[in-house]
């Protein structure tokens, strides 16, 4: 399965996560549960890192706007 970019909206992310879980369940029948668990954990870490970076950018923009306002 080729890598796909993570969606930006939460509804798309939920759908993407459901598809990933379904794919993981299919692979688990083949006895690859350890690999699947590691991949799922890595995907969650990547998603959380991207969300944190997005929030950090917003904080930076608000901080800059506040300084310009003062």
PDB file of N, CA and C in Angstrom:
ATOM      1  N   UNK A   1       0.858  -1.171   0.000  1.00  0.00           N
ATOM      2  CA  UNK A   1       0.000   0.000   0.000  1.00  0.00           C
ATOM      3  C   UNK A   1       0.906   1.236   0.000  1.00  0.00           C
ATOM      4  N   UNK A   2       0.800   2.103  -1.025  1.00  0.00           N
ATOM      5  CA  UNK A   2       1.651   3.290  -1.079  1.00  0.00           C
ATOM      6  C   UNK A   2       1.263   4.297  -0.009  1.00  0.00           C
ATOM      7  N   UNK A   3       2.247   5.077   0.472  1.00  0.00           N
ATOM      8  CA  UNK A   3       1.930   6.086   1.490  1.00  0.00           C
ATOM      9  C   UNK A   3       1.010   7.149   0.914  1.00  0.00           C
ATOM     10  N   UNK A   4       0.112   7.640   1.759  1.00  0.00           N
ATOM     11  CA  UNK A   4      -0.829   8.670   1.347  1.00  0.00           C
ATOM     12  C   UNK A   4      -0.697   9.849   2.294  1.00  0.00           C
ATOM     13  N   UNK A   5      -0.877  11.074   1.778  1.00  0.00           N
ATOM     14  CA  UNK A   5      -0.804  12.237   2.672  1.00  0.00           C
ATOM     15  C   UNK A   5      -1.944  12.216   3.673  1.00  0.00           C
ATOM     16  N   UNK A   6      -1.681  12.728   4.853  1.00  0.00           N
ATOM     17  CA  UNK A   6      -2.716  12.805   5.878  1.00  0.00           C
ATOM     18  C   UNK A   6      -3.694  13.918   5.541  1.00  0.00           C
ATOM     19  N   UNK A   7      -4.972  13.696   5.679  1.00  0.00           N
ATOM     20  CA  UNK A   7      -5.963  14.733   5.406  1.00  0.00           C
ATOM     21  C   UNK A   7      -5.918  15.820   6.466  1.00  0.00           C
ATOM     22  N   UNK A   8      -6.446  16.994   6.100  1.00  0.00           N
ATOM     23  CA  UNK A   8      -6.357  18.122   7.022  1.00  0.00           C
ATOM     24  C   UNK A   8      -7.571  18.262   7.935  1.00  0.00           C
ATOM     25  N   UNK A   9      -8.760  17.955   7.450  1.00  0.00           N
ATOM     26  CA  UNK A   9      -9.942  18.148   8.296  1.00  0.00           C
ATOM     27  C   UNK A   9     -10.146  16.950   9.210  1.00  0.00           C
ATOM     28  N   UNK A  10     -10.820  17.187  10.335  1.00  0.00           N
ATOM     29  CA  UNK A  10     -11.008  16.116  11.309  1.00  0.00           C
ATOM     30  C   UNK A  10     -11.915  15.014  10.774  1.00  0.00           C
ATOM     31  N   UNK A  11     -12.937  15.349   9.971  1.00  0.00           N
ATOM     32  CA  UNK A  11     -13.807  14.300   9.428  1.00  0.00           C
ATOM     33  C   UNK A  11     -13.047  13.441   8.434  1.00  0.00           C
ATOM     34  N   UNK A  12     -12.211  14.079   7.612  1.00  0.00           N
ATOM     35  CA  UNK A  12     -11.391  13.313   6.687  1.00  0.00           C
ATOM     36  C   UNK A  12     -10.377  12.478   7.450  1.00  0.00           C
ATOM     37  N   UNK A  13      -9.833  13.025   8.530  1.00  0.00           N
ATOM     38  CA  UNK A  13      -8.871  12.289   9.344  1.00  0.00           C
ATOM     39  C   UNK A  13      -9.531  11.078   9.972  1.00  0.00           C
ATOM     40  N   UNK A  14     -10.769  11.230  10.438  1.00  0.00           N
ATOM     41  CA  UNK A  14     -11.492  10.102  11.023  1.00  0.00           C
ATOM     42  C   UNK A  14     -11.718   9.011   9.988  1.00  0.00           C
ATOM     43  N   UNK A  15     -12.108   9.422   8.780  1.00  0.00           N
ATOM     44  CA  UNK A  15     -12.320   8.444   7.718  1.00  0.00           C
ATOM     45  C   UNK A  15     -11.008   7.760   7.378  1.00  0.00           C
ATOM     46  N   UNK A  16      -9.925   8.542   7.298  1.00  0.00           N
ATOM     47  CA  UNK A  16      -8.605   7.995   7.004  1.00  0.00           C
ATOM     48  C   UNK A  16      -8.197   7.010   8.089  1.00  0.00           C
ATOM     49  N   UNK A  17      -8.416   7.369   9.358  1.00  0.00           N
ATOM     50  CA  UNK A  17      -8.069   6.488  10.465  1.00  0.00           C
ATOM     51  C   UNK A  17      -8.871   5.196  10.403  1.00  0.00           C
ATOM     52  N   UNK A  18     -10.154   5.284  10.060  1.00  0.00           N
ATOM     53  CA  UNK A  18     -10.984   4.081   9.941  1.00  0.00           C
ATOM     54  C   UNK A  18     -10.454   3.171   8.838  1.00  0.00           C
ATOM     55  N   UNK A  19     -10.034   3.772   7.724  1.00  0.00           N
ATOM     56  CA  UNK A  19      -9.477   2.978   6.633  1.00  0.00           C
ATOM     57  C   UNK A  19      -8.181   2.311   7.069  1.00  0.00           C
ATOM     58  N   UNK A  20      -7.358   3.040   7.829  1.00  0.00           N
ATOM     59  CA  UNK A  20      -6.105   2.472   8.319  1.00  0.00           C
ATOM     60  C   UNK A  20      -6.365   1.323   9.284  1.00  0.00           C
ATOM     61  N   UNK A  21      -7.358   1.476  10.149  1.00  0.00           N
ATOM     62  CA  UNK A  21      -7.697   0.410  11.098  1.00  0.00           C
ATOM     63  C   UNK A  21      -8.191  -0.814  10.343  1.00  0.00           C
ATOM     64  N   UNK A  22      -9.021  -0.597   9.320  1.00  0.00           N
ATOM     65  CA  UNK A  22      -9.513  -1.720   8.520  1.00  0.00           C
ATOM     66  C   UNK A  22      -8.355  -2.447   7.858  1.00  0.00           C
ATOM     67  N   UNK A  23      -7.420  -1.690   7.300  1.00  0.00           N
ATOM     68  CA  UNK A  23      -6.247  -2.305   6.679  1.00  0.00           C
ATOM     69  C   UNK A  23      -5.428  -3.059   7.718  1.00  0.00           C
ATOM     70  N   UNK A  24      -5.295  -2.484   8.900  1.00  0.00           N
ATOM     71  CA  UNK A  24      -4.541  -3.140   9.972  1.00  0.00           C
ATOM     72  C   UNK A  24      -5.220  -4.432  10.395  1.00  0.00           C
ATOM     73  N   UNK A  25      -6.544  -4.418  10.463  1.00  0.00           N
ATOM     74  CA  UNK A  25      -7.273  -5.630  10.833  1.00  0.00           C
ATOM     75  C   UNK A  25      -7.072  -6.722   9.789  1.00  0.00           C
ATOM     76  N   UNK A  26      -7.068  -6.328   8.509  1.00  0.00           N
ATOM     77  CA  UNK A  26      -6.846  -7.311   7.450  1.00  0.00           C
ATOM     78  C   UNK A  26      -5.462  -7.943   7.583  1.00  0.00           C
ATOM     79  N   UNK A  27      -4.454  -7.126   7.872  1.00  0.00           N
ATOM     80  CA  UNK A  27      -3.097  -7.647   8.033  1.00  0.00           C
ATOM     81  C   UNK A  27      -2.974  -8.494   9.288  1.00  0.00           C
ATOM     82  N   UNK A  28      -3.738  -8.181  10.316  1.00  0.00           N
ATOM     83  CA  UNK A  28      -3.622  -8.934  11.567  1.00  0.00           C
ATOM     84  C   UNK A  28      -4.005 -10.394  11.379  1.00  0.00           C
ATOM     85  N   UNK A  29      -4.861 -10.668  10.411  1.00  0.00           N
ATOM     86  CA  UNK A  29      -5.219 -12.059  10.130  1.00  0.00           C
ATOM     87  C   UNK A  29      -4.026 -12.843   9.596  1.00  0.00           C
ATOM     88  N   UNK A  30      -3.051 -12.138   9.068  1.00  0.00           N
ATOM     89  CA  UNK A  30      -1.862 -12.805   8.538  1.00  0.00           C
ATOM     90  C   UNK A  30      -0.804 -13.009   9.614  1.00  0.00           C
ATOM     91  N   UNK A  31      -1.098 -12.628  10.850  1.00  0.00           N
ATOM     92  CA  UNK A  31      -0.158 -12.830  11.946  1.00  0.00           C
ATOM     93  C   UNK A  31       0.881 -11.737  12.067  1.00  0.00           C
ATOM     94  N   UNK A  32       0.632 -10.585  11.515  1.00  0.00           N
ATOM     95  CA  UNK A  32       1.590  -9.479  11.524  1.00  0.00           C
ATOM     96  C   UNK A  32       1.192  -8.416  12.539  1.00  0.00           C
ATOM     97  N   UNK A  33       0.642  -8.801  13.674  1.00  0.00           N
ATOM     98  CA  UNK A  33       0.107  -7.820  14.620  1.00  0.00           C
ATOM     99  C   UNK A  33       1.183  -6.934  15.219  1.00  0.00           C
ATOM    100  N   UNK A  34       2.385  -7.450  15.469  1.00  0.00           N
ATOM    101  CA  UNK A  34       3.451  -6.618  16.038  1.00  0.00           C
ATOM    102  C   UNK A  34       3.832  -5.493  15.092  1.00  0.00           C
ATOM    103  N   UNK A  35       3.949  -5.822  13.822  1.00  0.00           N
ATOM    104  CA  UNK A  35       4.298  -4.813  12.822  1.00  0.00           C
ATOM    105  C   UNK A  35       3.186  -3.781  12.728  1.00  0.00           C
ATOM    106  N   UNK A  36       1.951  -4.240  12.707  1.00  0.00           N
ATOM    107  CA  UNK A  36       0.807  -3.335  12.601  1.00  0.00           C
ATOM    108  C   UNK A  36       0.754  -2.398  13.793  1.00  0.00           C
ATOM    109  N   UNK A  37       0.969  -2.919  14.990  1.00  0.00           N
ATOM    110  CA  UNK A  37       0.944  -2.073  16.188  1.00  0.00           C
ATOM    111  C   UNK A  37       2.010  -0.993  16.112  1.00  0.00           C
ATOM    112  N   UNK A  38       3.198  -1.339  15.643  1.00  0.00           N
ATOM    113  CA  UNK A  38       4.268  -0.340  15.518  1.00  0.00           C
ATOM    114  C   UNK A  38       3.910   0.717  14.485  1.00  0.00           C
ATOM    115  N   UNK A  39       3.352   0.288  13.353  1.00  0.00           N
ATOM    116  CA  UNK A  39       2.982   1.232  12.296  1.00  0.00           C
ATOM    117  C   UNK A  39       1.888   2.175  12.782  1.00  0.00           C
ATOM    118  N   UNK A  40       0.889   1.640  13.467  1.00  0.00           N
ATOM    119  CA  UNK A  40      -0.201   2.471  13.985  1.00  0.00           C
ATOM    120  C   UNK A  40       0.343   3.496  14.972  1.00  0.00           C
ATOM    121  N   UNK A  41       1.231   3.080  15.866  1.00  0.00           N
ATOM    122  CA  UNK A  41       1.821   4.011  16.831  1.00  0.00           C
ATOM    123  C   UNK A  41       2.610   5.102  16.122  1.00  0.00           C
ATOM    124  N   UNK A  42       3.375   4.721  15.090  1.00  0.00           N
ATOM    125  CA  UNK A  42       4.145   5.714  14.341  1.00  0.00           C
ATOM    126  C   UNK A  42       3.233   6.688  13.614  1.00  0.00           C
ATOM    127  N   UNK A  43       2.137   6.183  13.027  1.00  0.00           N
ATOM    128  CA  UNK A  43       1.186   7.068  12.347  1.00  0.00           C
ATOM    129  C   UNK A  43       0.562   8.056  13.319  1.00  0.00           C
ATOM    130  N   UNK A  44       0.219   7.590  14.508  1.00  0.00           N
ATOM    131  CA  UNK A  44      -0.354   8.483  15.516  1.00  0.00           C
ATOM    132  C   UNK A  44       0.654   9.544  15.937  1.00  0.00           C
ATOM    133  N   UNK A  45       1.923   9.154  16.097  1.00  0.00           N
ATOM    134  CA  UNK A  45       2.952  10.120  16.473  1.00  0.00           C
ATOM    135  C   UNK A  45       3.136  11.166  15.383  1.00  0.00           C
ATOM    136  N   UNK A  46       3.135  10.733  14.121  1.00  0.00           N
ATOM    137  CA  UNK A  46       3.281  11.669  13.004  1.00  0.00           C
ATOM    138  C   UNK A  46       2.103  12.627  12.971  1.00  0.00           C
ATOM    139  N   UNK A  47       0.892  12.091  13.131  1.00  0.00           N
ATOM    140  CA  UNK A  47      -0.304  12.935  13.102  1.00  0.00           C
ATOM    141  C   UNK A  47      -0.276  13.947  14.243  1.00  0.00           C
ATOM    142  N   UNK A  48       0.106  13.505  15.442  1.00  0.00           N
ATOM    143  CA  UNK A  48       0.168  14.414  16.585  1.00  0.00           C
ATOM    144  C   UNK A  48       1.246  15.468  16.385  1.00  0.00           C
ATOM    145  N   UNK A  49       2.376  15.082  15.805  1.00  0.00           N
ATOM    146  CA  UNK A  49       3.452  16.038  15.544  1.00  0.00           C
ATOM    147  C   UNK A  49       2.997  17.093  14.552  1.00  0.00           C
ATOM    148  N   UNK A  50       2.287  16.668  13.507  1.00  0.00           N
ATOM    149  CA  UNK A  50       1.784  17.620  12.518  1.00  0.00           C
ATOM    150  C   UNK A  50       0.756  18.560  13.135  1.00  0.00           C
ATOM    151  N   UNK A  51      -0.118  18.042  13.984  1.00  0.00           N
ATOM    152  CA  UNK A  51      -1.116  18.889  14.650  1.00  0.00           C
ATOM    153  C   UNK A  51      -0.426  19.881  15.582  1.00  0.00           C
ATOM    154  N   UNK A  52       0.597  19.426  16.300  1.00  0.00           N
ATOM    155  CA  UNK A  52       1.329  20.319  17.199  1.00  0.00           C
ATOM    156  C   UNK A  52       2.012  21.429  16.405  1.00  0.00           C
ATOM    157  N   UNK A  53       2.596  21.091  15.268  1.00  0.00           N
ATOM    158  CA  UNK A  53       3.244  22.101  14.432  1.00  0.00           C
ATOM    159  C   UNK A  53       2.224  23.111  13.913  1.00  0.00           C
ATOM    160  N   UNK A  54       1.053  22.620  13.539  1.00  0.00           N
ATOM    161  CA  UNK A  54      -0.009  23.509  13.065  1.00  0.00           C
ATOM    162  C   UNK A  54      -0.453  24.464  14.172  1.00  0.00           C
ATOM    163  N   UNK A  55      -0.643  23.953  15.382  1.00  0.00           N
ATOM    164  CA  UNK A  55      -1.022  24.798  16.516  1.00  0.00           C
ATOM    165  C   UNK A  55       0.068  25.813  16.835  1.00  0.00           C
ATOM    166  N   UNK A  56       1.322  25.384  16.762  1.00  0.00           N
ATOM    167  CA  UNK A  56       2.445  26.279  17.035  1.00  0.00           C
ATOM    168  C   UNK A  56       2.472  27.425  16.018  1.00  0.00           C
ATOM    169  N   UNK A  57       2.188  27.122  14.751  1.00  0.00           N
ATOM    170  CA  UNK A  57       2.128  28.182  13.727  1.00  0.00           C
ATOM    171  C   UNK A  57       1.018  29.176  14.054  1.00  0.00           C
ATOM    172  N   UNK A  58      -0.144  28.670  14.487  1.00  0.00           N
ATOM    173  CA  UNK A  58      -1.252  29.560  14.842  1.00  0.00           C
ATOM    174  C   UNK A  58      -0.878  30.445  16.032  1.00  0.00           C
ATOM    175  N   UNK A  59      -0.221  29.883  17.023  1.00  0.00           N
ATOM    176  CA  UNK A  59       0.210  30.676  18.181  1.00  0.00           C
ATOM    177  C   UNK A  59       1.175  31.761  17.727  1.00  0.00           C
ATOM    178  N   UNK A  60       2.083  31.412  16.832  1.00  0.00           N
ATOM    179  CA  UNK A  60       3.022  32.400  16.305  1.00  0.00           C
ATOM    180  C   UNK A  60       2.317  33.526  15.573  1.00  0.00           C
ATOM    181  N   UNK A  61       1.306  33.181  14.787  1.00  0.00           N
ATOM    182  CA  UNK A  61       0.554  34.200  14.055  1.00  0.00           C
ATOM    183  C   UNK A  61      -0.207  35.113  15.010  1.00  0.00           C
ATOM    184  N   UNK A  62      -0.834  34.539  16.034  1.00  0.00           N
ATOM    185  CA  UNK A  62      -1.563  35.345  17.012  1.00  0.00           C
ATOM    186  C   UNK A  62      -0.605  36.223  17.812  1.00  0.00           C
ATOM    187  N   UNK A  63       0.550  35.701  18.158  1.00  0.00           N
ATOM    188  CA  UNK A  63       1.542  36.486  18.901  1.00  0.00           C
ATOM    189  C   UNK A  63       2.010  37.666  18.060  1.00  0.00           C
ATOM    190  N   UNK A  64       2.281  37.416  16.791  1.00  0.00           N
ATOM    191  CA  UNK A  64       2.716  38.484  15.894  1.00  0.00           C
ATOM    192  C   UNK A  64       1.614  39.537  15.750  1.00  0.00           C
ATOM    193  N   UNK A  65       0.371  39.084  15.582  1.00  0.00           N
ATOM    194  CA  UNK A  65      -0.750  40.019  15.455  1.00  0.00           C
ATOM    195  C   UNK A  65      -0.919  40.843  16.724  1.00  0.00           C
ATOM    196  N   UNK A  66      -0.730  40.229  17.874  1.00  0.00           N
ATOM    197  CA  UNK A  66      -0.853  40.944  19.139  1.00  0.00           C
ATOM    198  C   UNK A  66       0.222  42.014  19.266  1.00  0.00           C
ATOM    199  N   UNK A  67       1.456  41.679  18.879  1.00  0.00           N
ATOM    200  CA  UNK A  67       2.540  42.663  18.939  1.00  0.00           C
ATOM    201  C   UNK A  67       2.286  43.826  17.982  1.00  0.00           C
ATOM    202  N   UNK A  68       1.745  43.537  16.799  1.00  0.00           N
ATOM    203  CA  UNK A  68       1.442  44.600  15.845  1.00  0.00           C
ATOM    204  C   UNK A  68       0.308  45.485  16.352  1.00  0.00           C
ATOM    205  N   UNK A  69      -0.643  44.901  17.058  1.00  0.00           N
ATOM    206  CA  UNK A  69      -1.775  45.641  17.590  1.00  0.00           C
ATOM    207  C   UNK A  69      -1.334  46.596  18.693  1.00  0.00           C
ATOM    208  N   UNK A  70      -0.341  46.188  19.485  1.00  0.00           N
ATOM    209  CA  UNK A  70       0.109  47.019  20.601  1.00  0.00           C
ATOM    210  C   UNK A  70       0.924  48.123  20.049  1.00  0.00           C
TER     211      UNK A  70
END
